[in-house]
Amino acid sequence: MLCDITEAAWYLGYASPASLYRLLKAGLLENYVEMHKGQVLLRMGAKGKSPTLAKRVRSLVNFKGGHEMFMFDPTEPDSIQKMRDRYHMQCQQKLTTKQA
């Protein structure tokens, strides 16, 4: 599963994509980057022996007390539900925007 950086940050439980941008700029997520029509996308799942993006980010970032990262794995039922929730949230936002 490929996500843009903002969407990947949402799936991982971040309030903003700043941490992912920092890791990308430092070259620490090169194995997870895919380009599609000029857009940077991140591979969320594992490929070969590489861990999921969530596990890689968790290994690179020092977490502070109150923040808990969601260990997103596209093959897990909890993650699939999170994808459904995001889809429904986006549909709801589109409907609200059209009605306004």
Foldseek 3Di string as FASTA:
>chain_A
DKDAQQVVCVLFPHPGSVLVVVCVVVVQQVVQWDADPNGTIGQQADDDPRHGPNVSSVVVDDDDDPDDTDNAHPVDPVNVVVVVVVVVVVVVVVVVVVVD
